[in-house]
Amino acid sequence: MKETFRMCFVLTVIGAACAALMAFVNAQTKEPIERNAGGQKLDAVSAVMPPSDNDVAADTLVLNDGTRDVKFHRGTKNGVPVGAAFAVVAPDGYSGDIEILVGVDTAGAVTGLTVLKHLETPGLGSKIETPEFRDQYLGKSVRDPETWSVAKDGGVFKQITGATISSRAVTNAVAAGLAFFEAHKAEVLGGAPATAPSGGGGK
């Protein structure tokens, strides 16, 4: 009986020590991990936007689309608005939410697009990350094409073979994001004049 009690006591002490150690490690690594993730996202923001010379991390505007808050990172050059970057979420991916970062110019045309998070099937839906898939959205706006859908649904965007659901989810989410930007463009850009699509992002 004493031996059993002693074993339980030892196991309890070991468990408590392990829990304390894990809590300590988490506290020490949480901030650096979050800081690194934030830095990577800001790098992605700069990559998808038209070239700018302002602090896109600080120049932001948050608007609610009725479902969630959307943070717009606004880009300017010599004080003149050149575009913005914002994240959209496709809730209907094959394996869950897909988070996409979209860059636009002042005309609302896509200047860059990157996938931030997804759980799509490796080798199939995961191909939404490839330039071959992402680049087909460049230069497109809410008005061009008139039908924002994948080819299987009568649109102009090529779906990934064997991953139509993933392709459709991204296409629909980007279209919804562009429509939201268009509806609030004056607020986001501060009344910036529309320009011809720039066709590419990056500093």
C-alpha atoms as a PDB file:
ATOM      1  CA  MET A   1       0.000   0.000   0.000  1.00  0.00           C
ATOM      2  CA  LYS A   2       2.812   2.396   0.940  1.00  0.00           C
ATOM      3  CA  GLU A   3       4.638   1.482  -2.248  1.00  0.00           C
ATOM      4  CA  THR A   4       1.551   2.292  -4.345  1.00  0.00           C
ATOM      5  CA  PHE A   5       1.120   5.614  -2.581  1.00  0.00           C
ATOM      6  CA  ARG A   6       4.767   6.465  -3.122  1.00  0.00           C
ATOM      7  CA  MET A   7       4.558   5.654  -6.847  1.00  0.00           C
ATOM      8  CA  CYS A   8       1.447   7.834  -7.226  1.00  0.00           C
ATOM      9  CA  PHE A   9       3.184  10.664  -5.397  1.00  0.00           C
ATOM     10  CA  VAL A  10       6.278  10.398  -7.594  1.00  0.00           C
ATOM     11  CA  LEU A  11       4.189  10.327 -10.768  1.00  0.00           C
ATOM     12  CA  THR A  12       2.235  13.367  -9.588  1.00  0.00           C
ATOM     13  CA  VAL A  13       5.427  15.285  -8.889  1.00  0.00           C
ATOM     14  CA  ILE A  14       6.874  14.321 -12.283  1.00  0.00           C
ATOM     15  CA  GLY A  15       3.644  15.335 -14.036  1.00  0.00           C
ATOM     16  CA  ALA A  16       3.565  18.677 -12.248  1.00  0.00           C
ATOM     17  CA  ALA A  17       7.209  19.308 -13.110  1.00  0.00           C
ATOM     18  CA  CYS A  18       6.605  18.488 -16.787  1.00  0.00           C
ATOM     19  CA  ALA A  19       3.569  20.770 -16.904  1.00  0.00           C
ATOM     20  CA  ALA A  20       5.543  23.601 -15.317  1.00  0.00           C
ATOM     21  CA  LEU A  21       8.386  23.092 -17.784  1.00  0.00           C
ATOM     22  CA  MET A  22       6.015  23.131 -20.758  1.00  0.00           C
ATOM     23  CA  ALA A  23       4.353  26.300 -19.488  1.00  0.00           C
ATOM     24  CA  PHE A  24       7.754  27.944 -19.090  1.00  0.00           C
ATOM     25  CA  VAL A  25       8.879  26.948 -22.605  1.00  0.00           C
ATOM     26  CA  ASN A  26       5.599  28.177 -24.074  1.00  0.00           C
ATOM     27  CA  ALA A  27       5.935  31.521 -22.297  1.00  0.00           C
ATOM     28  CA  GLN A  28       9.497  31.922 -23.574  1.00  0.00           C
ATOM     29  CA  THR A  29       8.762  30.982 -27.203  1.00  0.00           C
ATOM     30  CA  LYS A  30       5.247  32.380 -27.777  1.00  0.00           C
ATOM     31  CA  GLU A  31       6.295  35.977 -28.345  1.00  0.00           C
ATOM     32  CA  PRO A  32       9.208  35.211 -30.727  1.00  0.00           C
ATOM     33  CA  ILE A  33       6.998  32.839 -32.737  1.00  0.00           C
ATOM     34  CA  GLU A  34       4.217  35.419 -33.014  1.00  0.00           C
ATOM     35  CA  ARG A  35       6.729  38.141 -33.901  1.00  0.00           C
ATOM     36  CA  ASN A  36       8.249  35.939 -36.612  1.00  0.00           C
ATOM     37  CA  ALA A  37       4.813  35.072 -38.026  1.00  0.00           C
ATOM     38  CA  GLY A  38       3.888  38.752 -38.046  1.00  0.00           C
ATOM     39  CA  GLY A  39       7.096  39.623 -39.847  1.00  0.00           C
ATOM     40  CA  GLN A  40       6.484  36.973 -42.489  1.00  0.00           C
ATOM     41  CA  LYS A  41       2.965  38.287 -43.090  1.00  0.00           C
ATOM     42  CA  LEU A  42       4.241  41.843 -43.516  1.00  0.00           C
ATOM     43  CA  ASP A  43       6.796  40.568 -46.022  1.00  0.00           C
ATOM     44  CA  ALA A  44       3.911  38.961 -47.900  1.00  0.00           C
ATOM     45  CA  VAL A  45       1.931  42.224 -47.730  1.00  0.00           C
ATOM     46  CA  SER A  46       4.785  44.137 -49.351  1.00  0.00           C
ATOM     47  CA  ALA A  47       5.188  41.419 -51.985  1.00  0.00           C
ATOM     48  CA  VAL A  48       1.577  41.510 -53.225  1.00  0.00           C
ATOM     49  CA  MET A  49       1.088  45.293 -53.185  1.00  0.00           C
ATOM     50  CA  PRO A  50       2.228  47.833 -55.768  1.00  0.00           C
ATOM     51  CA  PRO A  51       5.605  49.357 -54.841  1.00  0.00           C
ATOM     52  CA  SER A  52       5.231  51.811 -51.943  1.00  0.00           C
ATOM     53  CA  ASP A  53       7.462  53.867 -49.667  1.00  0.00           C
ATOM     54  CA  ASN A  54       5.322  54.133 -46.540  1.00  0.00           C
ATOM     55  CA  ASP A  55       5.099  51.933 -43.443  1.00  0.00           C
ATOM     56  CA  VAL A  56       2.426  49.442 -44.533  1.00  0.00           C
ATOM     57  CA  ALA A  57       2.506  47.847 -41.081  1.00  0.00           C
ATOM     58  CA  ALA A  58       1.290  51.065 -39.478  1.00  0.00           C
ATOM     59  CA  ASP A  59      -0.937  52.464 -42.223  1.00  0.00           C
ATOM     60  CA  THR A  60      -3.981  50.236 -41.819  1.00  0.00           C
ATOM     61  CA  LEU A  61      -7.748  50.434 -41.770  1.00  0.00           C
ATOM     62  CA  VAL A  62     -10.097  47.816 -40.325  1.00  0.00           C
ATOM     63  CA  LEU A  63     -13.594  47.352 -41.740  1.00  0.00           C
ATOM     64  CA  ASN A  64     -16.181  44.697 -40.946  1.00  0.00           C
ATOM     65  CA  ASP A  65     -17.652  42.797 -43.898  1.00  0.00           C
ATOM     66  CA  GLY A  66     -20.604  41.535 -41.873  1.00  0.00           C
ATOM     67  CA  THR A  67     -18.830  38.337 -40.879  1.00  0.00           C
ATOM     68  CA  ARG A  68     -15.356  39.355 -39.753  1.00  0.00           C
ATOM     69  CA  ASP A  69     -12.985  42.294 -39.491  1.00  0.00           C
ATOM     70  CA  VAL A  70     -10.867  42.906 -42.587  1.00  0.00           C
ATOM     71  CA  LYS A  71      -7.565  44.744 -42.112  1.00  0.00           C
ATOM     72  CA  PHE A  72      -6.418  46.766 -45.111  1.00  0.00           C
ATOM     73  CA  HIS A  73      -2.730  47.607 -45.339  1.00  0.00           C
ATOM     74  CA  ARG A  74      -2.560  50.785 -47.400  1.00  0.00           C
ATOM     75  CA  GLY A  75       0.350  51.602 -49.685  1.00  0.00           C
ATOM     76  CA  THR A  76       1.421  55.087 -50.740  1.00  0.00           C
ATOM     77  CA  LYS A  77       4.303  56.482 -52.764  1.00  0.00           C
ATOM     78  CA  ASN A  78       5.380  60.074 -52.248  1.00  0.00           C
ATOM     79  CA  GLY A  79       2.195  60.478 -50.234  1.00  0.00           C
ATOM     80  CA  VAL A  80      -0.062  59.279 -53.059  1.00  0.00           C
ATOM     81  CA  PRO A  81      -2.128  56.077 -52.579  1.00  0.00           C
ATOM     82  CA  VAL A  82      -1.001  53.249 -54.862  1.00  0.00           C
ATOM     83  CA  GLY A  83      -3.019  50.294 -53.538  1.00  0.00           C
ATOM     84  CA  ALA A  84      -3.738  48.039 -50.620  1.00  0.00           C
ATOM     85  CA  ALA A  85      -3.414  44.489 -49.352  1.00  0.00           C
ATOM     86  CA  PHE A  86      -5.941  42.517 -47.337  1.00  0.00           C
ATOM     87  CA  ALA A  87      -6.698  38.937 -46.344  1.00  0.00           C
ATOM     88  CA  VAL A  88      -9.774  37.014 -47.406  1.00  0.00           C
ATOM     89  CA  VAL A  89     -10.946  33.688 -46.012  1.00  0.00           C
ATOM     90  CA  ALA A  90     -12.498  30.921 -48.089  1.00  0.00           C
ATOM     91  CA  PRO A  91     -14.623  28.907 -45.623  1.00  0.00           C
ATOM     92  CA  ASP A  92     -15.433  26.203 -48.171  1.00  0.00           C
ATOM     93  CA  GLY A  93     -12.048  24.677 -48.907  1.00  0.00           C
ATOM     94  CA  TYR A  94     -11.904  20.904 -49.267  1.00  0.00           C
ATOM     95  CA  SER A  95     -10.277  20.543 -45.837  1.00  0.00           C
ATOM     96  CA  GLY A  96     -11.349  23.758 -44.119  1.00  0.00           C
ATOM     97  CA  ASP A  97     -10.644  27.483 -44.234  1.00  0.00           C
ATOM     98  CA  ILE A  98      -8.190  28.887 -46.763  1.00  0.00           C
ATOM     99  CA  GLU A  99      -6.658  32.280 -45.921  1.00  0.00           C
ATOM    100  CA  ILE A 100      -5.503  34.313 -48.905  1.00  0.00           C
ATOM    101  CA  LEU A 101      -3.652  37.632 -49.028  1.00  0.00           C
ATOM    102  CA  VAL A 102      -4.674  39.839 -51.946  1.00  0.00           C
ATOM    103  CA  GLY A 103      -2.941  42.961 -53.232  1.00  0.00           C
ATOM    104  CA  VAL A 104      -4.746  45.508 -55.400  1.00  0.00           C
ATOM    105  CA  ASP A 105      -3.944  48.791 -57.138  1.00  0.00           C
ATOM    106  CA  THR A 106      -6.165  51.873 -56.982  1.00  0.00           C
ATOM    107  CA  ALA A 107      -8.265  50.557 -59.874  1.00  0.00           C
ATOM    108  CA  GLY A 108      -9.076  47.438 -57.854  1.00  0.00           C
ATOM    109  CA  ALA A 109      -7.042  45.097 -60.067  1.00  0.00           C
ATOM    110  CA  VAL A 110      -5.112  42.255 -58.430  1.00  0.00           C
ATOM    111  CA  THR A 111      -1.375  42.995 -58.196  1.00  0.00           C
ATOM    112  CA  GLY A 112      -0.443  39.924 -56.195  1.00  0.00           C
ATOM    113  CA  LEU A 113      -1.920  36.968 -54.385  1.00  0.00           C
ATOM    114  CA  THR A 114      -0.498  34.481 -51.919  1.00  0.00           C
ATOM    115  CA  VAL A 115      -2.002  31.719 -49.808  1.00  0.00           C
ATOM    116  CA  LEU A 116      -1.299  32.277 -46.111  1.00  0.00           C
ATOM    117  CA  LYS A 117      -2.939  29.199 -44.575  1.00  0.00           C
ATOM    118  CA  HIS A 118      -4.654  26.069 -45.796  1.00  0.00           C
ATOM    119  CA  LEU A 119      -5.177  22.397 -45.002  1.00  0.00           C
ATOM    120  CA  GLU A 120      -5.805  21.212 -48.552  1.00  0.00           C
ATOM    121  CA  THR A 121      -4.673  17.787 -49.775  1.00  0.00           C
ATOM    122  CA  PRO A 122      -0.916  17.624 -50.496  1.00  0.00           C
ATOM    123  CA  GLY A 123      -0.243  17.243 -54.208  1.00  0.00           C
ATOM    124  CA  LEU A 124      -3.799  18.209 -55.150  1.00  0.00           C
ATOM    125  CA  GLY A 125      -5.504  21.116 -53.387  1.00  0.00           C
ATOM    126  CA  SER A 126      -2.142  22.287 -52.080  1.00  0.00           C
ATOM    127  CA  LYS A 127      -1.359  23.402 -55.638  1.00  0.00           C
ATOM    128  CA  ILE A 128      -3.328  26.582 -54.905  1.00  0.00           C
ATOM    129  CA  GLU A 129       0.042  27.818 -53.611  1.00  0.00           C
ATOM    130  CA  THR A 130       1.778  27.468 -56.963  1.00  0.00           C
ATOM    131  CA  PRO A 131       2.488  30.502 -59.188  1.00  0.00           C
ATOM    132  CA  GLU A 132       0.759  28.704 -62.077  1.00  0.00           C
ATOM    133  CA  PHE A 133      -2.511  28.846 -60.183  1.00  0.00           C
ATOM    134  CA  ARG A 134      -2.098  32.161 -58.334  1.00  0.00           C
ATOM    135  CA  ASP A 135      -0.842  34.219 -61.258  1.00  0.00           C
ATOM    136  CA  GLN A 136      -4.013  33.763 -63.293  1.00  0.00           C
ATOM    137  CA  TYR A 137      -5.705  36.319 -61.020  1.00  0.00           C
ATOM    138  CA  LEU A 138      -3.152  39.064 -61.718  1.00  0.00           C
ATOM    139  CA  GLY A 139      -4.625  42.107 -63.442  1.00  0.00           C
ATOM    140  CA  LYS A 140      -8.183  40.944 -62.788  1.00  0.00           C
ATOM    141  CA  SER A 141     -10.727  43.181 -61.076  1.00  0.00           C
ATOM    142  CA  VAL A 142     -14.293  42.868 -59.874  1.00  0.00           C
ATOM    143  CA  ARG A 143     -15.396  44.036 -63.358  1.00  0.00           C
ATOM    144  CA  ASP A 144     -12.993  41.863 -65.370  1.00  0.00           C
ATOM    145  CA  PRO A 145     -13.942  39.124 -65.971  1.00  0.00           C
ATOM    146  CA  GLU A 146     -17.693  39.583 -65.713  1.00  0.00           C
ATOM    147  CA  THR A 147     -18.069  36.041 -64.378  1.00  0.00           C
ATOM    148  CA  TRP A 148     -15.755  35.232 -61.479  1.00  0.00           C
ATOM    149  CA  SER A 149     -15.727  31.447 -61.453  1.00  0.00           C
ATOM    150  CA  VAL A 150     -13.629  28.459 -62.450  1.00  0.00           C
ATOM    151  CA  ALA A 151     -13.871  27.004 -65.955  1.00  0.00           C
ATOM    152  CA  LYS A 152     -15.981  24.074 -64.745  1.00  0.00           C
ATOM    153  CA  ASP A 153     -18.589  26.610 -63.610  1.00  0.00           C
ATOM    154  CA  GLY A 154     -18.436  28.618 -66.832  1.00  0.00           C
ATOM    155  CA  GLY A 155     -15.719  31.078 -65.809  1.00  0.00           C
ATOM    156  CA  VAL A 156     -12.236  31.898 -67.075  1.00  0.00           C
ATOM    157  CA  PHE A 157     -10.124  30.619 -64.203  1.00  0.00           C
ATOM    158  CA  LYS A 158      -8.489  27.220 -64.607  1.00  0.00           C
ATOM    159  CA  GLN A 159      -9.229  24.805 -61.807  1.00  0.00           C
ATOM    160  CA  ILE A 160      -6.567  22.438 -60.522  1.00  0.00           C
ATOM    161  CA  THR A 161      -7.094  18.916 -61.846  1.00  0.00           C
ATOM    162  CA  GLY A 162      -8.569  16.812 -59.064  1.00  0.00           C
ATOM    163  CA  ALA A 163      -9.035  19.858 -56.823  1.00  0.00           C
ATOM    164  CA  THR A 164     -11.991  21.782 -58.196  1.00  0.00           C
ATOM    165  CA  ILE A 165     -13.349  22.436 -54.699  1.00  0.00           C
ATOM    166  CA  SER A 166     -10.110  24.107 -53.604  1.00  0.00           C
ATOM    167  CA  SER A 167      -9.894  26.118 -56.830  1.00  0.00           C
ATOM    168  CA  ARG A 168     -13.516  27.229 -56.579  1.00  0.00           C
ATOM    169  CA  ALA A 169     -13.109  28.232 -52.934  1.00  0.00           C
ATOM    170  CA  VAL A 170     -10.120  30.481 -53.683  1.00  0.00           C
ATOM    171  CA  THR A 171     -11.779  32.040 -56.736  1.00  0.00           C
ATOM    172  CA  ASN A 172     -15.009  32.820 -54.898  1.00  0.00           C
ATOM    173  CA  ALA A 173     -13.184  34.236 -51.877  1.00  0.00           C
ATOM    174  CA  VAL A 174     -10.994  36.524 -53.988  1.00  0.00           C
ATOM    175  CA  ALA A 175     -14.060  37.721 -55.916  1.00  0.00           C
ATOM    176  CA  ALA A 176     -15.884  38.524 -52.666  1.00  0.00           C
ATOM    177  CA  GLY A 177     -12.825  40.348 -51.346  1.00  0.00           C
ATOM    178  CA  LEU A 178     -12.502  42.445 -54.483  1.00  0.00           C
ATOM    179  CA  ALA A 179     -16.189  43.341 -54.321  1.00  0.00           C
ATOM    180  CA  PHE A 180     -15.807  44.433 -50.686  1.00  0.00           C
ATOM    181  CA  PHE A 181     -12.751  46.522 -51.569  1.00  0.00           C
ATOM    182  CA  GLU A 182     -14.607  48.116 -54.474  1.00  0.00           C
ATOM    183  CA  ALA A 183     -17.540  49.020 -52.224  1.00  0.00           C
ATOM    184  CA  HIS A 184     -15.198  50.723 -49.730  1.00  0.00           C
ATOM    185  CA  LYS A 185     -12.431  51.878 -52.075  1.00  0.00           C
ATOM    186  CA  ALA A 186     -12.796  55.585 -51.324  1.00  0.00           C
ATOM    187  CA  GLU A 187     -12.621  54.894 -47.603  1.00  0.00           C
ATOM    188  CA  VAL A 188      -9.632  52.566 -47.907  1.00  0.00           C
ATOM    189  CA  LEU A 189      -7.629  54.719 -50.310  1.00  0.00           C
ATOM    190  CA  GLY A 190      -8.794  58.119 -49.155  1.00  0.00           C
ATOM    191  CA  GLY A 191     -10.287  59.061 -52.490  1.00  0.00           C
ATOM    192  CA  ALA A 192      -7.247  58.073 -54.563  1.00  0.00           C
ATOM    193  CA  PRO A 193      -7.813  58.415 -58.329  1.00  0.00           C
ATOM    194  CA  ALA A 194      -8.154  55.161 -60.233  1.00  0.00           C
ATOM    195  CA  THR A 195      -5.153  54.114 -62.289  1.00  0.00           C
ATOM    196  CA  ALA A 196      -4.560  51.551 -64.996  1.00  0.00           C
ATOM    197  CA  PRO A 197      -3.873  48.054 -63.600  1.00  0.00           C
ATOM    198  CA  SER A 198      -0.206  47.836 -62.684  1.00  0.00           C
ATOM    199  CA  GLY A 199      -0.031  44.077 -63.272  1.00  0.00           C
ATOM    200  CA  GLY A 200       2.347  43.181 -60.468  1.00  0.00           C
ATOM    201  CA  GLY A 201       3.337  43.748 -56.868  1.00  0.00           C
ATOM    202  CA  GLY A 202       6.502  43.926 -54.864  1.00  0.00           C
ATOM    203  CA  LYS A 203       8.920  46.601 -53.832  1.00  0.00           C
END
